[in-house]
Protein backbone atom coordinates (compact mmCIF):
# COMPACT_ATOMS: atom_id res chain seq x y z
CA UNK A 1 5.94 -11.77 -21.18
CA UNK A 2 5.73 -14.25 -18.32
CA UNK A 3 8.23 -12.22 -16.28
CA UNK A 4 6.00 -9.15 -16.62
CA UNK A 5 2.98 -11.08 -15.33
CA UNK A 6 4.93 -12.37 -12.35
CA UNK A 7 6.29 -8.91 -11.55
CA UNK A 8 2.81 -7.36 -11.77
CA UNK A 9 1.54 -10.01 -9.34
CA UNK A 10 4.26 -9.16 -6.84
CA UNK A 11 3.66 -5.40 -7.24
CA UNK A 12 -0.05 -5.57 -6.46
CA UNK A 13 0.51 -7.99 -3.58
CA UNK A 14 3.24 -5.71 -2.20
CA UNK A 15 0.95 -2.66 -2.43
CA UNK A 16 -1.76 -4.57 -0.61
CA UNK A 17 0.72 -5.70 2.03
CA UNK A 18 1.81 -2.08 2.57
CA UNK A 19 -1.80 -0.97 2.98
CA UNK A 20 -2.43 -3.83 5.44
CA UNK A 21 0.62 -2.78 7.46
CA UNK A 22 -0.77 0.73 7.70
CA UNK A 23 -4.15 -0.54 8.83
CA UNK A 24 -5.86 0.59 5.62
CA UNK A 25 -7.82 -2.62 5.12
CA UNK A 26 -10.21 -1.26 2.48
CA UNK A 27 -7.33 -0.17 0.24
CA UNK A 28 -5.58 -3.49 0.80
CA UNK A 29 -8.76 -5.32 -0.20
CA UNK A 30 -8.89 -3.30 -3.43
CA UNK A 31 -5.33 -4.28 -4.36
CA UNK A 32 -5.89 -7.92 -3.50
CA UNK A 33 -9.26 -8.03 -5.28
CA UNK A 34 -7.75 -6.59 -8.46
CA UNK A 35 -4.97 -9.17 -8.29
CA UNK A 36 -7.38 -12.03 -7.59
CA UNK A 37 -9.52 -11.01 -10.58
CA UNK A 38 -6.50 -10.62 -12.87
CA UNK A 39 -5.00 -13.94 -11.72
CA UNK A 40 -7.81 -16.24 -10.54
CA UNK A 41 -5.28 -19.05 -10.03
CA UNK A 42 -3.51 -17.04 -7.31
CA UNK A 43 -4.48 -18.54 -3.97
CA UNK A 44 -2.23 -16.01 -2.25
CA UNK A 45 -4.25 -13.07 -3.60
CA UNK A 46 -7.54 -14.71 -2.58
CA UNK A 47 -6.29 -15.54 0.90
CA UNK A 48 -4.97 -12.01 1.44
CA UNK A 49 -8.21 -10.53 0.09
CA UNK A 50 -10.21 -12.61 2.57
CA UNK A 51 -7.92 -11.52 5.39
CA UNK A 52 -8.23 -7.81 4.51
CA UNK A 53 -12.00 -8.13 4.27
CA UNK A 54 -12.15 -9.85 7.65
CA UNK A 55 -10.46 -6.83 9.23
CA UNK A 56 -13.12 -4.67 7.54
CA UNK A 57 -15.93 -6.75 9.10
CA UNK A 58 -17.18 -8.02 5.73
CA UNK A 59 -17.83 -11.54 6.91
CA UNK A 60 -20.17 -12.66 4.11
CA UNK A 61 -17.56 -11.88 1.48
CA UNK A 62 -14.87 -13.63 3.51
CA UNK A 63 -16.93 -16.79 3.78
CA UNK A 64 -17.67 -16.73 0.04
CA UNK A 65 -13.97 -16.39 -0.82
CA UNK A 66 -12.89 -19.15 1.57
CA UNK A 67 -15.50 -21.54 0.20
CA UNK A 68 -14.66 -21.01 -3.49
């Protein structure tokens, strides 16, 4: 069971990373947000979500995430 959770984390992060690489920041934010909500202990997902949102000029959300 734990292996499945870890693999699902890597899959969503990888999908978000692919979207970021293509410059599709809104899609990347969706992947990272879903991962951050599913795994609130994942600092990586939160950091990547904030980064994707910053490229989308959503500063208020970025500040909220960084100050959590």
